[in-house]
Amino acid sequence: MLDFTTTRRILGKCAFGCAIALIALTAPSRATGQQQQADNQGRFQFRGAVQAINLSVVVTDKKGRFIPDLTETEFELYEDDVRQEINFFTSEVTPVTLLLLLDASTSVRESVDGIKEAASNFVSKLWDGDQAIIADFNDRIRFSSHFSGDIDRLIASIQSLYPSGWTALYDSVLFSLDKVSEAPGRKALLVFTDGDDSRSMGQGSEMSSKDAIEGAKLSEVTIYSIGLGRGVNKGFLKKLSEETGGASFFPGGIGELNRDFDEIQNELHSQYRVAYVPSNKELKGEWRTIKIRIKDRDDLVVRTRQGYYAYPPQPTM
């Protein structure tokens, strides 16, 4: 189970290590005396005494079809309704690091075969350079050994899933955010669950749904939630995903679930990457909203994380 100290460490780690990318800027070419760079995982880093925000951005039409080939000049980015200068922009495909979090509690017993089949199909379609790790949870969470691109190993981990016990969903989300946040580059968390937690019966998470959502808001991890089974807690799963610029799905069967996974795979590799240095330099821990729109294109839908907490940097040890 997740103890109070561990949870606060996770939330604190996200607050300083995720939400504001204390980002190394050898920095944007538009900034005097600075030089822009991207590491081999597609994460944009800035060296120097500045802070920058990294964003994964999905642009679709009203029917959910992805819009490629947009240029930097078509993007308008706002923080707390103040226009920001974009310091880095790319539409190039970059690998992604994934954590698949599978509900292995009794509450999804009727759906477990579908979870195994769909999750196995998903990892079998990983792109070159992608890395993934499998985690399953009931009242505890268990991770496969390490992030890997070995499809057979990942599928073997998925097929070993056996449902039993209570459901500690909120704690498991926090542990998963902590785990995947350690990886370089673009990161995503896929949560397969009915969205229920046994906390209300005193047998589930020690942390609350609010804590899990705060952890999501503090992270740079895009969350996709897949609600399965009866009585799905759609409100929690939608909120969890929306805060990070992800999406939630509630399939009616295995065929629909596989179509949802194809959509997630396409979306993960159809994102624009944007980085900016906030014009507001005062860091007091307040929440700052982020909005992106495409110039003169009200017919398009733009998704990215909804904001971040402007914490000051941690002192170096």
C-alpha atoms as a PDB file:
ATOM      1  CA  MET A   1       0.000   0.000   0.000  1.00  0.00           C
ATOM      2  CA  LEU A   2       1.014   3.579  -0.470  1.00  0.00           C
ATOM      3  CA  ASP A   3       2.059   5.319   2.708  1.00  0.00           C
ATOM      4  CA  PHE A   4       1.669   9.037   3.329  1.00  0.00           C
ATOM      5  CA  THR A   5       5.394   9.809   3.077  1.00  0.00           C
ATOM      6  CA  THR A   6       5.770   8.010  -0.244  1.00  0.00           C
ATOM      7  CA  THR A   7       2.749   9.729  -1.729  1.00  0.00           C
ATOM      8  CA  ARG A   8       3.947  13.186  -0.733  1.00  0.00           C
ATOM      9  CA  ARG A   9       7.338  12.326  -2.230  1.00  0.00           C
ATOM     10  CA  ILE A  10       5.634  11.419  -5.515  1.00  0.00           C
ATOM     11  CA  LEU A  11       3.521  14.567  -5.557  1.00  0.00           C
ATOM     12  CA  GLY A  12       6.525  16.689  -4.609  1.00  0.00           C
ATOM     13  CA  LYS A  13       8.663  15.048  -7.248  1.00  0.00           C
ATOM     14  CA  CYS A  14       6.047  15.763  -9.904  1.00  0.00           C
ATOM     15  CA  ALA A  15       5.708  19.324  -8.706  1.00  0.00           C
ATOM     16  CA  PHE A  16       9.366  20.105  -9.253  1.00  0.00           C
ATOM     17  CA  GLY A  17      10.435  17.549 -11.821  1.00  0.00           C
ATOM     18  CA  CYS A  18       7.423  17.388 -14.119  1.00  0.00           C
ATOM     19  CA  ALA A  19       5.105  20.322 -14.146  1.00  0.00           C
ATOM     20  CA  ILE A  20       7.668  22.961 -14.848  1.00  0.00           C
ATOM     21  CA  ALA A  21      10.431  21.505 -16.907  1.00  0.00           C
ATOM     22  CA  LEU A  22      13.444  23.176 -15.411  1.00  0.00           C
ATOM     23  CA  ILE A  23      14.677  22.845 -18.713  1.00  0.00           C
ATOM     24  CA  ALA A  24      18.083  23.243 -19.943  1.00  0.00           C
ATOM     25  CA  LEU A  25      18.183  25.813 -22.701  1.00  0.00           C
ATOM     26  CA  THR A  26      21.157  25.975 -24.721  1.00  0.00           C
ATOM     27  CA  ALA A  27      17.999  27.728 -25.815  1.00  0.00           C
ATOM     28  CA  PRO A  28      15.892  29.210 -28.472  1.00  0.00           C
ATOM     29  CA  SER A  29      17.630  30.683 -31.459  1.00  0.00           C
ATOM     30  CA  ARG A  30      15.510  33.802 -30.976  1.00  0.00           C
ATOM     31  CA  ALA A  31      17.073  34.402 -27.558  1.00  0.00           C
ATOM     32  CA  THR A  32      20.380  36.263 -27.499  1.00  0.00           C
ATOM     33  CA  GLY A  33      23.400  34.169 -26.539  1.00  0.00           C
ATOM     34  CA  GLN A  34      21.374  30.963 -26.378  1.00  0.00           C
ATOM     35  CA  GLN A  35      21.126  27.911 -28.581  1.00  0.00           C
ATOM     36  CA  GLN A  36      18.231  25.506 -29.109  1.00  0.00           C
ATOM     37  CA  GLN A  37      18.515  21.722 -28.975  1.00  0.00           C
ATOM     38  CA  ALA A  38      16.470  18.529 -28.801  1.00  0.00           C
ATOM     39  CA  ASP A  39      17.762  15.325 -27.215  1.00  0.00           C
ATOM     40  CA  ASN A  40      17.600  11.958 -28.987  1.00  0.00           C
ATOM     41  CA  GLN A  41      14.192  11.233 -27.439  1.00  0.00           C
ATOM     42  CA  GLY A  42      12.590  14.369 -28.834  1.00  0.00           C
ATOM     43  CA  ARG A  43      12.466  16.271 -25.544  1.00  0.00           C
ATOM     44  CA  PHE A  44      13.396  19.890 -25.896  1.00  0.00           C
ATOM     45  CA  GLN A  45      15.915  21.009 -23.341  1.00  0.00           C
ATOM     46  CA  PHE A  46      17.147  24.451 -22.411  1.00  0.00           C
ATOM     47  CA  ARG A  47      20.335  25.104 -20.535  1.00  0.00           C
ATOM     48  CA  GLY A  48      20.727  28.181 -18.389  1.00  0.00           C
ATOM     49  CA  ALA A  49      18.935  30.003 -15.617  1.00  0.00           C
ATOM     50  CA  VAL A  50      15.528  29.949 -17.259  1.00  0.00           C
ATOM     51  CA  GLN A  51      12.438  27.813 -16.926  1.00  0.00           C
ATOM     52  CA  ALA A  52      10.538  26.446 -19.877  1.00  0.00           C
ATOM     53  CA  ILE A  53       7.397  24.463 -20.461  1.00  0.00           C
ATOM     54  CA  ASN A  54       7.242  21.456 -22.802  1.00  0.00           C
ATOM     55  CA  LEU A  55       3.913  20.625 -24.432  1.00  0.00           C
ATOM     56  CA  SER A  56       2.603  17.773 -26.554  1.00  0.00           C
ATOM     57  CA  VAL A  57      -0.181  19.138 -28.759  1.00  0.00           C
ATOM     58  CA  VAL A  58      -2.839  17.253 -30.713  1.00  0.00           C
ATOM     59  CA  VAL A  59      -4.809  19.075 -33.437  1.00  0.00           C
ATOM     60  CA  THR A  60      -7.893  17.517 -35.019  1.00  0.00           C
ATOM     61  CA  ASP A  61     -10.975  18.548 -36.919  1.00  0.00           C
ATOM     62  CA  LYS A  62     -14.429  18.281 -35.359  1.00  0.00           C
ATOM     63  CA  LYS A  63     -14.618  14.609 -36.391  1.00  0.00           C
ATOM     64  CA  GLY A  64     -11.364  13.735 -34.599  1.00  0.00           C
ATOM     65  CA  ARG A  65      -9.200  13.471 -37.722  1.00  0.00           C
ATOM     66  CA  PHE A  66      -5.626  14.637 -37.204  1.00  0.00           C
ATOM     67  CA  ILE A  67      -4.443  17.777 -38.945  1.00  0.00           C
ATOM     68  CA  PRO A  68      -0.836  17.447 -40.166  1.00  0.00           C
ATOM     69  CA  ASP A  69       1.568  19.936 -41.687  1.00  0.00           C
ATOM     70  CA  LEU A  70       0.656  22.970 -39.587  1.00  0.00           C
ATOM     71  CA  THR A  71       3.459  25.500 -39.183  1.00  0.00           C
ATOM     72  CA  GLU A  72       4.705  27.314 -36.099  1.00  0.00           C
ATOM     73  CA  THR A  73       3.284  30.622 -37.301  1.00  0.00           C
ATOM     74  CA  GLU A  74      -0.245  29.145 -37.236  1.00  0.00           C
ATOM     75  CA  PHE A  75      -0.050  28.392 -33.501  1.00  0.00           C
ATOM     76  CA  GLU A  76      -1.055  30.938 -30.870  1.00  0.00           C
ATOM     77  CA  LEU A  77      -0.083  30.060 -27.292  1.00  0.00           C
ATOM     78  CA  TYR A  78      -1.428  31.766 -24.163  1.00  0.00           C
ATOM     79  CA  GLU A  79      -0.547  31.496 -20.485  1.00  0.00           C
ATOM     80  CA  ASP A  80      -3.185  33.005 -18.197  1.00  0.00           C
ATOM     81  CA  ASP A  81      -4.580  34.673 -21.354  1.00  0.00           C
ATOM     82  CA  VAL A  82      -1.234  36.380 -22.078  1.00  0.00           C
ATOM     83  CA  ARG A  83       0.266  35.610 -25.496  1.00  0.00           C
ATOM     84  CA  GLN A  84       3.591  33.738 -25.278  1.00  0.00           C
ATOM     85  CA  GLU A  85       6.456  33.405 -27.717  1.00  0.00           C
ATOM     86  CA  ILE A  86       7.017  29.857 -28.922  1.00  0.00           C
ATOM     87  CA  ASN A  87      10.680  28.991 -28.476  1.00  0.00           C
ATOM     88  CA  PHE A  88      10.684  25.528 -30.017  1.00  0.00           C
ATOM     89  CA  PHE A  89       8.330  23.820 -32.454  1.00  0.00           C
ATOM     90  CA  THR A  90       8.412  20.553 -34.370  1.00  0.00           C
ATOM     91  CA  SER A  91       5.984  18.176 -36.004  1.00  0.00           C
ATOM     92  CA  GLU A  92       8.554  15.424 -36.462  1.00  0.00           C
ATOM     93  CA  VAL A  93       7.641  11.958 -35.223  1.00  0.00           C
ATOM     94  CA  THR A  94       9.565  11.046 -32.069  1.00  0.00           C
ATOM     95  CA  PRO A  95       9.483   7.861 -29.966  1.00  0.00           C
ATOM     96  CA  VAL A  96       7.272   7.667 -26.908  1.00  0.00           C
ATOM     97  CA  THR A  97       7.684   5.932 -23.551  1.00  0.00           C
ATOM     98  CA  LEU A  98       4.511   4.209 -22.363  1.00  0.00           C
ATOM     99  CA  LEU A  99       3.268   2.698 -19.125  1.00  0.00           C
ATOM    100  CA  LEU A 100       0.241   0.418 -19.414  1.00  0.00           C
ATOM    101  CA  LEU A 101      -1.555   0.262 -16.058  1.00  0.00           C
ATOM    102  CA  LEU A 102      -3.917  -2.725 -15.958  1.00  0.00           C
ATOM    103  CA  ASP A 103      -6.613  -3.170 -13.345  1.00  0.00           C
ATOM    104  CA  ALA A 104      -6.166  -6.660 -11.872  1.00  0.00           C
ATOM    105  CA  SER A 105      -8.750  -6.403  -9.114  1.00  0.00           C
ATOM    106  CA  THR A 106     -11.870  -8.524  -8.706  1.00  0.00           C
ATOM    107  CA  SER A 107     -14.062  -5.702 -10.034  1.00  0.00           C
ATOM    108  CA  VAL A 108     -12.842  -6.261 -13.636  1.00  0.00           C
ATOM    109  CA  ARG A 109     -12.936 -10.071 -13.589  1.00  0.00           C
ATOM    110  CA  GLU A 110     -15.603 -10.184 -16.299  1.00  0.00           C
ATOM    111  CA  SER A 111     -13.491  -7.921 -18.544  1.00  0.00           C
ATOM    112  CA  VAL A 112     -10.052  -9.439 -17.966  1.00  0.00           C
ATOM    113  CA  ASP A 113      -9.880 -11.466 -21.195  1.00  0.00           C
ATOM    114  CA  GLY A 114     -10.750  -8.369 -23.204  1.00  0.00           C
ATOM    115  CA  ILE A 115      -8.123  -6.342 -21.332  1.00  0.00           C
ATOM    116  CA  LYS A 116      -5.460  -8.946 -22.103  1.00  0.00           C
ATOM    117  CA  GLU A 117      -6.364  -9.183 -25.777  1.00  0.00           C
ATOM    118  CA  ALA A 118      -6.606  -5.454 -26.364  1.00  0.00           C
ATOM    119  CA  ALA A 119      -3.462  -4.565 -24.394  1.00  0.00           C
ATOM    120  CA  SER A 120      -1.506  -7.276 -26.230  1.00  0.00           C
ATOM    121  CA  ASN A 121      -2.741  -5.932 -29.565  1.00  0.00           C
ATOM    122  CA  PHE A 122      -1.701  -2.448 -28.503  1.00  0.00           C
ATOM    123  CA  VAL A 123       1.906  -3.297 -27.603  1.00  0.00           C
ATOM    124  CA  SER A 124       2.265  -5.455 -30.722  1.00  0.00           C
ATOM    125  CA  LYS A 125       1.896  -2.223 -32.725  1.00  0.00           C
ATOM    126  CA  LEU A 126       4.572  -0.202 -30.936  1.00  0.00           C
ATOM    127  CA  TRP A 127       6.604   1.905 -33.320  1.00  0.00           C
ATOM    128  CA  ASP A 128      10.359   1.618 -33.728  1.00  0.00           C
ATOM    129  CA  GLY A 129      12.044   3.362 -30.812  1.00  0.00           C
ATOM    130  CA  ASP A 130       9.000   3.186 -28.515  1.00  0.00           C
ATOM    131  CA  GLN A 131       9.524   1.755 -25.036  1.00  0.00           C
ATOM    132  CA  ALA A 132       6.874   0.356 -22.719  1.00  0.00           C
ATOM    133  CA  ILE A 133       6.437  -1.176 -19.297  1.00  0.00           C
ATOM    134  CA  ILE A 134       3.465  -3.122 -17.926  1.00  0.00           C
ATOM    135  CA  ALA A 135       1.973  -2.583 -14.471  1.00  0.00           C
ATOM    136  CA  ASP A 136      -0.988  -4.357 -12.915  1.00  0.00           C
ATOM    137  CA  PHE A 137      -2.704  -3.491  -9.674  1.00  0.00           C
ATOM    138  CA  ASN A 138      -5.276  -4.534  -7.134  1.00  0.00           C
ATOM    139  CA  ASP A 139      -4.588  -3.373  -3.595  1.00  0.00           C
ATOM    140  CA  ARG A 140      -0.898  -3.227  -4.616  1.00  0.00           C
ATOM    141  CA  ILE A 141       0.904  -2.356  -7.834  1.00  0.00           C
ATOM    142  CA  ARG A 142       3.435  -4.547  -9.648  1.00  0.00           C
ATOM    143  CA  PHE A 143       5.696  -3.474 -12.526  1.00  0.00           C
ATOM    144  CA  SER A 144       7.318  -5.636 -15.165  1.00  0.00           C
ATOM    145  CA  SER A 145      11.082  -5.505 -14.932  1.00  0.00           C
ATOM    146  CA  HIS A 146      11.935  -2.425 -17.014  1.00  0.00           C
ATOM    147  CA  PHE A 147      10.990  -0.255 -19.996  1.00  0.00           C
ATOM    148  CA  SER A 148      11.453  -2.325 -23.115  1.00  0.00           C
ATOM    149  CA  GLY A 149      10.708  -2.536 -26.804  1.00  0.00           C
ATOM    150  CA  ASP A 150      10.642  -6.353 -26.601  1.00  0.00           C
ATOM    151  CA  ILE A 151       7.091  -7.121 -27.764  1.00  0.00           C
ATOM    152  CA  ASP A 152       7.138 -10.775 -26.668  1.00  0.00           C
ATOM    153  CA  ARG A 153       8.260  -9.855 -23.153  1.00  0.00           C
ATOM    154  CA  LEU A 154       5.569  -7.186 -22.847  1.00  0.00           C
ATOM    155  CA  ILE A 155       2.825  -9.516 -24.064  1.00  0.00           C
ATOM    156  CA  ALA A 156       3.962 -12.222 -21.627  1.00  0.00           C
ATOM    157  CA  SER A 157       3.597  -9.719 -18.780  1.00  0.00           C
ATOM    158  CA  ILE A 158       0.086  -8.833 -19.950  1.00  0.00           C
ATOM    159  CA  GLN A 159      -1.012 -12.455 -20.300  1.00  0.00           C
ATOM    160  CA  SER A 160       0.071 -13.237 -16.710  1.00  0.00           C
ATOM    161  CA  LEU A 161      -2.684 -10.919 -15.433  1.00  0.00           C
ATOM    162  CA  TYR A 162      -5.012 -12.604 -12.931  1.00  0.00           C
ATOM    163  CA  PRO A 163      -7.734 -10.550 -11.219  1.00  0.00           C
ATOM    164  CA  SER A 164      -8.075 -10.721  -7.445  1.00  0.00           C
ATOM    165  CA  GLY A 165      -8.358  -8.466  -4.423  1.00  0.00           C
ATOM    166  CA  TRP A 166      -9.462  -4.899  -3.802  1.00  0.00           C
ATOM    167  CA  THR A 167      -8.815  -1.862  -6.027  1.00  0.00           C
ATOM    168  CA  ALA A 168      -6.263   0.835  -5.141  1.00  0.00           C
ATOM    169  CA  LEU A 169      -6.632   2.837  -8.346  1.00  0.00           C
ATOM    170  CA  TYR A 170      -5.689   6.294  -7.059  1.00  0.00           C
ATOM    171  CA  ASP A 171      -2.471   5.107  -5.399  1.00  0.00           C
ATOM    172  CA  SER A 172      -1.563   3.101  -8.502  1.00  0.00           C
ATOM    173  CA  VAL A 173      -2.012   6.125 -10.771  1.00  0.00           C
ATOM    174  CA  LEU A 174       0.381   8.114  -8.558  1.00  0.00           C
ATOM    175  CA  PHE A 175       2.955   5.322  -8.482  1.00  0.00           C
ATOM    176  CA  SER A 176       2.697   4.989 -12.273  1.00  0.00           C
ATOM    177  CA  LEU A 177       3.186   8.720 -12.837  1.00  0.00           C
ATOM    178  CA  ASP A 178       6.279   8.552 -10.655  1.00  0.00           C
ATOM    179  CA  LYS A 179       7.615   5.558 -12.597  1.00  0.00           C
ATOM    180  CA  VAL A 180       7.066   6.857 -16.125  1.00  0.00           C
ATOM    181  CA  SER A 181       8.244  10.365 -15.213  1.00  0.00           C
ATOM    182  CA  GLU A 182      11.735   8.925 -14.730  1.00  0.00           C
ATOM    183  CA  ALA A 183      11.935   8.103 -18.439  1.00  0.00           C
ATOM    184  CA  PRO A 184      13.328  10.590 -20.982  1.00  0.00           C
ATOM    185  CA  GLY A 185      11.385  12.004 -23.900  1.00  0.00           C
ATOM    186  CA  ARG A 186       7.633  12.002 -24.496  1.00  0.00           C
ATOM    187  CA  LYS A 187       5.667   9.995 -21.971  1.00  0.00           C
ATOM    188  CA  ALA A 188       2.167   8.535 -21.806  1.00  0.00           C
ATOM    189  CA  LEU A 189       0.183   6.528 -19.265  1.00  0.00           C
ATOM    190  CA  LEU A 190      -2.635   4.208 -20.391  1.00  0.00           C
ATOM    191  CA  VAL A 191      -5.015   3.229 -17.588  1.00  0.00           C
ATOM    192  CA  PHE A 192      -7.283   0.187 -18.105  1.00  0.00           C
ATOM    193  CA  THR A 193      -9.892   0.104 -15.354  1.00  0.00           C
ATOM    194  CA  ASP A 194     -13.536   0.455 -14.394  1.00  0.00           C
ATOM    195  CA  GLY A 195     -12.479   3.662 -12.621  1.00  0.00           C
ATOM    196  CA  ASP A 196     -13.619   2.347  -9.247  1.00  0.00           C
ATOM    197  CA  ASP A 197     -11.542   2.389  -6.053  1.00  0.00           C
ATOM    198  CA  SER A 198     -12.241   0.402  -2.899  1.00  0.00           C
ATOM    199  CA  ARG A 199     -11.283   3.414  -0.768  1.00  0.00           C
ATOM    200  CA  SER A 200     -14.922   4.041   0.114  1.00  0.00           C
ATOM    201  CA  MET A 201     -14.962   0.617   1.782  1.00  0.00           C
ATOM    202  CA  GLY A 202     -11.680   1.181   3.588  1.00  0.00           C
ATOM    203  CA  GLN A 203      -9.821  -1.385   1.469  1.00  0.00           C
ATOM    204  CA  GLY A 204      -8.417   0.615  -1.445  1.00  0.00           C
ATOM    205  CA  SER A 205      -6.173   3.637  -1.878  1.00  0.00           C
ATOM    206  CA  GLU A 206      -4.808   5.733   0.924  1.00  0.00           C
ATOM    207  CA  MET A 207      -4.892   8.756  -1.344  1.00  0.00           C
ATOM    208  CA  SER A 208      -8.025  10.276  -2.872  1.00  0.00           C
ATOM    209  CA  SER A 209      -9.254  10.850  -6.423  1.00  0.00           C
ATOM    210  CA  LYS A 210      -8.347  14.517  -5.928  1.00  0.00           C
ATOM    211  CA  ASP A 211      -4.747  13.529  -5.117  1.00  0.00           C
ATOM    212  CA  ALA A 212      -4.565  11.401  -8.268  1.00  0.00           C
ATOM    213  CA  ILE A 213      -5.840  14.268 -10.406  1.00  0.00           C
ATOM    214  CA  GLU A 214      -3.386  16.683  -8.767  1.00  0.00           C
ATOM    215  CA  GLY A 215      -0.596  14.248  -9.594  1.00  0.00           C
ATOM    216  CA  ALA A 216      -1.756  14.226 -13.207  1.00  0.00           C
ATOM    217  CA  LYS A 217      -1.807  18.034 -13.322  1.00  0.00           C
ATOM    218  CA  LEU A 218       1.718  18.166 -11.893  1.00  0.00           C
ATOM    219  CA  SER A 219       3.136  15.738 -14.436  1.00  0.00           C
ATOM    220  CA  GLU A 220       4.250  16.016 -18.051  1.00  0.00           C
ATOM    221  CA  VAL A 221       2.660  12.640 -18.768  1.00  0.00           C
ATOM    222  CA  THR A 222      -0.254  12.396 -21.199  1.00  0.00           C
ATOM    223  CA  ILE A 223      -2.912  10.076 -19.746  1.00  0.00           C
ATOM    224  CA  TYR A 224      -5.317   7.954 -21.758  1.00  0.00           C
ATOM    225  CA  SER A 225      -7.994   6.186 -19.734  1.00  0.00           C
ATOM    226  CA  ILE A 226      -9.937   3.199 -20.981  1.00  0.00           C
ATOM    227  CA  GLY A 227     -13.065   2.526 -18.932  1.00  0.00           C
ATOM    228  CA  LEU A 228     -14.139  -1.122 -18.910  1.00  0.00           C
ATOM    229  CA  GLY A 229     -16.839  -3.165 -17.223  1.00  0.00           C
ATOM    230  CA  ARG A 230     -20.082  -2.181 -15.555  1.00  0.00           C
ATOM    231  CA  GLY A 231     -20.683   1.020 -13.619  1.00  0.00           C
ATOM    232  CA  VAL A 232     -17.592   2.770 -14.985  1.00  0.00           C
ATOM    233  CA  ASN A 233     -16.589   5.927 -13.097  1.00  0.00           C
ATOM    234  CA  LYS A 234     -16.545   8.090 -16.227  1.00  0.00           C
ATOM    235  CA  GLY A 235     -16.263  11.391 -14.365  1.00  0.00           C
ATOM    236  CA  PHE A 236     -12.959  10.533 -12.708  1.00  0.00           C
ATOM    237  CA  LEU A 237     -11.427   8.984 -15.820  1.00  0.00           C
ATOM    238  CA  LYS A 238     -12.426  11.915 -18.044  1.00  0.00           C
ATOM    239  CA  LYS A 239     -10.989  14.445 -15.602  1.00  0.00           C
ATOM    240  CA  LEU A 240      -7.763  12.464 -15.228  1.00  0.00           C
ATOM    241  CA  SER A 241      -7.184  12.478 -18.982  1.00  0.00           C
ATOM    242  CA  GLU A 242      -8.403  15.982 -19.804  1.00  0.00           C
ATOM    243  CA  GLU A 243      -5.991  17.618 -17.379  1.00  0.00           C
ATOM    244  CA  THR A 244      -3.049  16.184 -19.320  1.00  0.00           C
ATOM    245  CA  GLY A 245      -4.287  16.700 -22.881  1.00  0.00           C
ATOM    246  CA  GLY A 246      -5.123  13.001 -23.236  1.00  0.00           C
ATOM    247  CA  ALA A 247      -8.467  11.349 -23.885  1.00  0.00           C
ATOM    248  CA  SER A 248     -10.831   8.835 -22.314  1.00  0.00           C
ATOM    249  CA  PHE A 249     -12.562   5.917 -24.017  1.00  0.00           C
ATOM    250  CA  PHE A 250     -15.487   3.764 -22.934  1.00  0.00           C
ATOM    251  CA  PRO A 251     -15.711   0.912 -25.453  1.00  0.00           C
ATOM    252  CA  GLY A 252     -18.724  -1.338 -25.682  1.00  0.00           C
ATOM    253  CA  GLY A 253     -16.772  -4.407 -26.770  1.00  0.00           C
ATOM    254  CA  ILE A 254     -13.412  -5.768 -27.859  1.00  0.00           C
ATOM    255  CA  GLY A 255     -13.821  -4.583 -31.459  1.00  0.00           C
ATOM    256  CA  GLU A 256     -14.500  -1.035 -30.350  1.00  0.00           C
ATOM    257  CA  LEU A 257     -11.649  -1.267 -27.839  1.00  0.00           C
ATOM    258  CA  ASN A 258      -9.180  -2.232 -30.553  1.00  0.00           C
ATOM    259  CA  ARG A 259     -10.357   0.730 -32.668  1.00  0.00           C
ATOM    260  CA  ASP A 260      -9.794   3.003 -29.672  1.00  0.00           C
ATOM    261  CA  PHE A 261      -6.262   1.653 -29.334  1.00  0.00           C
ATOM    262  CA  ASP A 262      -5.549   2.338 -32.990  1.00  0.00           C
ATOM    263  CA  GLU A 263      -6.682   5.916 -32.388  1.00  0.00           C
ATOM    264  CA  ILE A 264      -4.387   6.249 -29.367  1.00  0.00           C
ATOM    265  CA  GLN A 265      -1.429   4.823 -31.313  1.00  0.00           C
ATOM    266  CA  ASN A 266      -2.021   7.263 -34.167  1.00  0.00           C
ATOM    267  CA  GLU A 267      -2.442  10.173 -31.787  1.00  0.00           C
ATOM    268  CA  LEU A 268       0.742   9.387 -29.855  1.00  0.00           C
ATOM    269  CA  HIS A 269       2.699   9.654 -33.082  1.00  0.00           C
ATOM    270  CA  SER A 270       0.803  12.597 -34.585  1.00  0.00           C
ATOM    271  CA  GLN A 271       1.611  15.224 -32.001  1.00  0.00           C
ATOM    272  CA  TYR A 272       3.233  18.593 -32.354  1.00  0.00           C
ATOM    273  CA  ARG A 273       5.924  19.419 -29.804  1.00  0.00           C
ATOM    274  CA  VAL A 274       6.066  22.958 -28.455  1.00  0.00           C
ATOM    275  CA  ALA A 275       8.264  24.612 -25.841  1.00  0.00           C
ATOM    276  CA  TYR A 276       8.111  28.133 -24.459  1.00  0.00           C
ATOM    277  CA  VAL A 277       9.710  30.212 -21.734  1.00  0.00           C
ATOM    278  CA  PRO A 278       6.941  31.934 -19.710  1.00  0.00           C
ATOM    279  CA  SER A 279       6.979  35.722 -19.801  1.00  0.00           C
ATOM    280  CA  ASN A 280       5.891  35.786 -16.140  1.00  0.00           C
ATOM    281  CA  LYS A 281       9.110  35.103 -14.192  1.00  0.00           C
ATOM    282  CA  GLU A 282       7.582  35.191 -10.697  1.00  0.00           C
ATOM    283  CA  LEU A 283       7.340  31.661  -9.331  1.00  0.00           C
ATOM    284  CA  LYS A 284       4.997  31.483  -6.355  1.00  0.00           C
ATOM    285  CA  GLY A 285       3.488  28.031  -6.817  1.00  0.00           C
ATOM    286  CA  GLU A 286       0.287  29.342  -8.424  1.00  0.00           C
ATOM    287  CA  TRP A 287      -1.666  27.465 -11.089  1.00  0.00           C
ATOM    288  CA  ARG A 288      -1.239  28.899 -14.589  1.00  0.00           C
ATOM    289  CA  THR A 289      -3.568  28.007 -17.431  1.00  0.00           C
ATOM    290  CA  ILE A 290      -2.316  27.091 -20.901  1.00  0.00           C
ATOM    291  CA  LYS A 291      -4.349  27.520 -24.058  1.00  0.00           C
ATOM    292  CA  ILE A 292      -3.368  26.961 -27.661  1.00  0.00           C
ATOM    293  CA  ARG A 293      -5.394  27.884 -30.718  1.00  0.00           C
ATOM    294  CA  ILE A 294      -4.762  27.706 -34.441  1.00  0.00           C
ATOM    295  CA  LYS A 295      -4.910  31.135 -36.066  1.00  0.00           C
ATOM    296  CA  ASP A 296      -8.096  31.755 -38.040  1.00  0.00           C
ATOM    297  CA  ARG A 297      -9.168  28.091 -37.659  1.00  0.00           C
ATOM    298  CA  ASP A 298     -12.078  27.884 -35.249  1.00  0.00           C
ATOM    299  CA  ASP A 299     -13.052  24.619 -36.928  1.00  0.00           C
ATOM    300  CA  LEU A 300     -10.087  22.824 -35.327  1.00  0.00           C
ATOM    301  CA  VAL A 301      -9.820  21.225 -31.881  1.00  0.00           C
ATOM    302  CA  VAL A 302      -6.526  21.630 -29.987  1.00  0.00           C
ATOM    303  CA  ARG A 303      -5.626  19.446 -26.990  1.00  0.00           C
ATOM    304  CA  THR A 304      -2.710  19.860 -24.627  1.00  0.00           C
ATOM    305  CA  ARG A 305      -2.285  19.883 -20.863  1.00  0.00           C
ATOM    306  CA  GLN A 306      -4.401  22.549 -19.249  1.00  0.00           C
ATOM    307  CA  GLY A 307      -1.706  24.240 -17.189  1.00  0.00           C
ATOM    308  CA  TYR A 308       1.010  23.881 -14.568  1.00  0.00           C
ATOM    309  CA  TYR A 309       1.983  25.007 -11.087  1.00  0.00           C
ATOM    310  CA  ALA A 310       4.668  27.704 -11.181  1.00  0.00           C
ATOM    311  CA  TYR A 311       6.853  26.334  -8.415  1.00  0.00           C
ATOM    312  CA  PRO A 312      10.322  27.816  -7.872  1.00  0.00           C
ATOM    313  CA  PRO A 313      13.217  25.463  -8.623  1.00  0.00           C
ATOM    314  CA  GLN A 314      14.480  23.159  -5.914  1.00  0.00           C
ATOM    315  CA  PRO A 315      17.830  24.159  -4.412  1.00  0.00           C
ATOM    316  CA  THR A 316      20.687  22.110  -5.837  1.00  0.00           C
ATOM    317  CA  MET A 317      22.247  19.755  -3.349  1.00  0.00           C
END
